[in-house]
């Protein structure tokens, strides 16, 4: 898997700093998580919502799929 790392750093930072790969998140299907990354999401009790595409409107659908694949690989499903 090859992709430009620079455009996805914001999403990776938001995802990992927000503990996205908690057990409840790991149990969600890829379609749901791609929706959260693409459209933004506010977890109950969160200090602030994750903006759509981590605030980086330049992210492509392929970038988002690669972010999720990376998170699944590193943190498991």
N, C-alpha and C. Protein backbone atom coordinates (compact mmCIF):
# COMPACT_ATOMS: atom_id res chain seq x y z
N UNK A 1 0.85 -1.16 0.00
CA UNK A 1 0.00 0.00 0.00
C UNK A 1 0.90 1.23 0.00
N UNK A 2 0.72 2.09 -0.99
CA UNK A 2 1.51 3.31 -1.08
C UNK A 2 0.55 4.48 -1.13
N UNK A 3 0.81 5.45 -0.32
CA UNK A 3 0.03 6.67 -0.38
C UNK A 3 0.84 7.81 0.20
N UNK A 4 0.45 9.01 -0.13
CA UNK A 4 1.14 10.18 0.36
C UNK A 4 0.81 10.37 1.83
N UNK A 5 1.79 10.24 2.67
CA UNK A 5 1.57 10.30 4.11
C UNK A 5 1.17 11.68 4.58
N UNK A 6 1.70 12.71 3.98
CA UNK A 6 1.45 14.07 4.46
C UNK A 6 -0.04 14.42 4.56
N UNK A 7 -0.89 14.13 3.55
CA UNK A 7 -2.28 14.53 3.67
C UNK A 7 -3.07 13.78 4.72
N UNK A 8 -2.57 12.64 5.20
CA UNK A 8 -3.35 11.87 6.16
C UNK A 8 -2.89 12.06 7.59
N UNK A 9 -1.83 12.82 7.81
CA UNK A 9 -1.31 12.99 9.16
C UNK A 9 -2.33 13.59 10.12
N UNK A 10 -3.12 14.55 9.66
CA UNK A 10 -4.12 15.16 10.54
C UNK A 10 -5.14 14.13 10.99
N UNK A 11 -5.59 13.29 10.08
CA UNK A 11 -6.57 12.28 10.45
C UNK A 11 -5.96 11.26 11.40
N UNK A 12 -4.75 10.82 11.12
CA UNK A 12 -4.09 9.87 12.02
C UNK A 12 -3.91 10.47 13.40
N UNK A 13 -3.51 11.73 13.48
CA UNK A 13 -3.34 12.37 14.77
C UNK A 13 -4.67 12.43 15.50
N UNK A 14 -5.71 12.88 14.81
CA UNK A 14 -7.02 12.97 15.45
C UNK A 14 -7.50 11.59 15.89
N UNK A 15 -7.31 10.60 15.04
CA UNK A 15 -7.79 9.26 15.34
C UNK A 15 -7.07 8.67 16.54
N UNK A 16 -5.76 8.76 16.57
CA UNK A 16 -5.02 8.14 17.66
C UNK A 16 -5.13 8.95 18.94
N UNK A 17 -5.15 10.27 18.84
CA UNK A 17 -5.25 11.08 20.05
C UNK A 17 -6.64 10.98 20.66
N UNK A 18 -7.63 10.66 19.86
CA UNK A 18 -8.99 10.51 20.36
C UNK A 18 -9.28 9.07 20.75
N UNK A 19 -8.26 8.23 20.78
CA UNK A 19 -8.41 6.81 21.12
C UNK A 19 -9.45 6.13 20.24
N UNK A 20 -9.37 6.38 18.93
CA UNK A 20 -10.37 5.83 18.02
C UNK A 20 -10.39 4.31 18.03
N UNK A 21 -9.28 3.70 18.36
CA UNK A 21 -9.27 2.25 18.28
C UNK A 21 -9.58 1.59 19.63
N UNK A 22 -10.51 2.17 20.38
CA UNK A 22 -11.01 1.54 21.57
C UNK A 22 -11.81 0.31 21.16
N UNK A 23 -12.13 -0.53 22.10
CA UNK A 23 -12.87 -1.75 21.80
C UNK A 23 -14.18 -1.46 21.08
N UNK A 24 -14.92 -0.45 21.52
CA UNK A 24 -16.21 -0.15 20.88
C UNK A 24 -16.01 0.33 19.44
N UNK A 25 -14.94 1.06 19.18
CA UNK A 25 -14.67 1.51 17.82
C UNK A 25 -14.19 0.35 16.97
N UNK A 26 -13.35 -0.49 17.51
CA UNK A 26 -12.85 -1.65 16.77
C UNK A 26 -13.98 -2.55 16.30
N UNK A 27 -15.07 -2.58 17.05
CA UNK A 27 -16.19 -3.44 16.70
C UNK A 27 -17.03 -2.88 15.55
N UNK A 28 -16.84 -1.60 15.22
CA UNK A 28 -17.62 -1.01 14.14
C UNK A 28 -17.08 -1.44 12.78
N UNK A 29 -17.99 -1.53 11.83
CA UNK A 29 -17.57 -1.95 10.49
C UNK A 29 -16.86 -0.81 9.76
N UNK A 30 -16.15 -1.18 8.70
CA UNK A 30 -15.36 -0.20 7.95
C UNK A 30 -16.24 0.90 7.37
N UNK A 31 -17.42 0.57 6.89
CA UNK A 31 -18.30 1.58 6.29
C UNK A 31 -18.64 2.67 7.32
N UNK A 32 -18.94 2.27 8.54
CA UNK A 32 -19.27 3.23 9.59
C UNK A 32 -18.07 4.12 9.90
N UNK A 33 -16.90 3.51 10.06
CA UNK A 33 -15.71 4.28 10.39
C UNK A 33 -15.29 5.20 9.25
N UNK A 34 -15.42 4.74 8.01
CA UNK A 34 -15.12 5.61 6.87
C UNK A 34 -16.08 6.80 6.88
N UNK A 35 -17.33 6.57 7.22
CA UNK A 35 -18.29 7.66 7.34
C UNK A 35 -17.89 8.66 8.41
N UNK A 36 -17.42 8.17 9.55
CA UNK A 36 -16.98 9.06 10.63
C UNK A 36 -15.77 9.88 10.21
N UNK A 37 -14.82 9.23 9.54
CA UNK A 37 -13.62 9.95 9.08
C UNK A 37 -14.01 10.97 8.01
N UNK A 38 -14.85 10.56 7.07
CA UNK A 38 -15.23 11.43 5.95
C UNK A 38 -16.09 12.61 6.38
N UNK A 39 -17.02 12.36 7.28
CA UNK A 39 -18.04 13.36 7.62
C UNK A 39 -17.83 14.01 8.98
N UNK A 40 -16.85 13.53 9.73
CA UNK A 40 -16.66 14.02 11.09
C UNK A 40 -17.53 13.24 12.06
N UNK A 41 -17.19 13.34 13.33
CA UNK A 41 -17.93 12.57 14.33
C UNK A 41 -17.66 13.16 15.70
N UNK A 42 -18.69 13.16 16.54
CA UNK A 42 -18.52 13.58 17.92
C UNK A 42 -18.94 12.45 18.84
N UNK A 43 -17.98 11.89 19.53
CA UNK A 43 -18.26 10.82 20.49
C UNK A 43 -18.98 11.42 21.69
N UNK A 44 -19.89 10.67 22.27
CA UNK A 44 -20.54 11.15 23.49
C UNK A 44 -19.47 11.45 24.56
N UNK A 45 -19.58 12.62 25.14
CA UNK A 45 -18.63 13.00 26.19
C UNK A 45 -17.30 13.53 25.69
N UNK A 46 -17.13 13.61 24.37
CA UNK A 46 -15.87 14.09 23.82
C UNK A 46 -15.72 15.59 24.08
N UNK A 47 -14.48 16.02 24.29
CA UNK A 47 -14.22 17.43 24.51
C UNK A 47 -14.49 18.25 23.25
N UNK A 48 -14.26 17.64 22.09
CA UNK A 48 -14.53 18.31 20.82
C UNK A 48 -14.70 17.27 19.74
N UNK A 49 -15.50 17.58 18.71
CA UNK A 49 -15.71 16.61 17.64
C UNK A 49 -14.50 16.51 16.72
N UNK A 50 -14.36 15.36 16.06
CA UNK A 50 -13.36 15.23 15.01
C UNK A 50 -13.98 15.84 13.76
N UNK A 51 -13.31 16.81 13.15
CA UNK A 51 -13.87 17.41 11.94
C UNK A 51 -13.82 16.44 10.76
N UNK A 52 -14.66 16.69 9.79
CA UNK A 52 -14.65 15.88 8.57
C UNK A 52 -13.25 15.86 7.99
N UNK A 53 -12.81 14.67 7.62
CA UNK A 53 -11.48 14.44 7.04
C UNK A 53 -10.36 15.00 7.92
N UNK A 54 -10.59 15.02 9.22
CA UNK A 54 -9.58 15.52 10.14
C UNK A 54 -9.25 16.98 9.88
N UNK A 55 -10.14 17.67 9.19
CA UNK A 55 -9.93 19.06 8.85
C UNK A 55 -9.14 19.26 7.56
N UNK A 56 -8.82 18.17 6.87
CA UNK A 56 -8.03 18.25 5.63
C UNK A 56 -8.93 17.91 4.45
N UNK A 57 -9.47 18.92 3.81
CA UNK A 57 -10.41 18.68 2.70
C UNK A 57 -9.75 18.09 1.47
N UNK A 58 -8.41 18.04 1.45
CA UNK A 58 -7.70 17.45 0.31
C UNK A 58 -7.66 15.92 0.34
N UNK A 59 -8.09 15.31 1.43
CA UNK A 59 -8.06 13.85 1.51
C UNK A 59 -9.02 13.23 0.49
N UNK A 60 -8.53 12.25 -0.23
CA UNK A 60 -9.36 11.53 -1.20
C UNK A 60 -10.01 10.34 -0.50
N UNK A 61 -10.95 9.71 -1.18
CA UNK A 61 -11.56 8.49 -0.64
C UNK A 61 -10.49 7.42 -0.44
N UNK A 62 -9.54 7.35 -1.37
CA UNK A 62 -8.46 6.37 -1.24
C UNK A 62 -7.59 6.66 -0.01
N UNK A 63 -7.31 7.93 0.26
CA UNK A 63 -6.54 8.29 1.45
C UNK A 63 -7.26 7.82 2.71
N UNK A 64 -8.56 8.04 2.76
CA UNK A 64 -9.35 7.65 3.93
C UNK A 64 -9.36 6.14 4.10
N UNK A 65 -9.52 5.41 3.01
CA UNK A 65 -9.46 3.94 3.09
C UNK A 65 -8.09 3.48 3.58
N UNK A 66 -7.03 4.15 3.14
CA UNK A 66 -5.68 3.80 3.58
C UNK A 66 -5.47 4.11 5.07
N UNK A 67 -6.05 5.21 5.54
CA UNK A 67 -5.97 5.53 6.97
C UNK A 67 -6.62 4.42 7.78
N UNK A 68 -7.80 4.02 7.37
CA UNK A 68 -8.50 2.96 8.10
C UNK A 68 -7.73 1.64 8.03
N UNK A 69 -7.19 1.31 6.88
CA UNK A 69 -6.39 0.08 6.77
C UNK A 69 -5.19 0.13 7.71
N UNK A 70 -4.54 1.28 7.79
CA UNK A 70 -3.40 1.44 8.69
C UNK A 70 -3.84 1.26 10.14
N UNK A 71 -4.94 1.90 10.54
CA UNK A 71 -5.40 1.78 11.91
C UNK A 71 -5.78 0.35 12.25
N UNK A 72 -6.45 -0.34 11.32
CA UNK A 72 -6.80 -1.74 11.55
C UNK A 72 -5.54 -2.60 11.72
N UNK A 73 -4.54 -2.34 10.88
CA UNK A 73 -3.30 -3.12 10.94
C UNK A 73 -2.56 -2.88 12.25
N UNK A 74 -2.46 -1.63 12.65
CA UNK A 74 -1.71 -1.28 13.86
C UNK A 74 -2.43 -1.59 15.15
N UNK A 75 -3.74 -1.42 15.17
CA UNK A 75 -4.49 -1.55 16.42
C UNK A 75 -5.46 -2.71 16.43
N UNK A 76 -5.59 -3.41 15.31
CA UNK A 76 -6.48 -4.57 15.25
C UNK A 76 -7.92 -4.19 15.02
N UNK A 77 -8.70 -5.24 14.78
CA UNK A 77 -10.14 -4.99 14.54
C UNK A 77 -10.93 -5.36 15.75
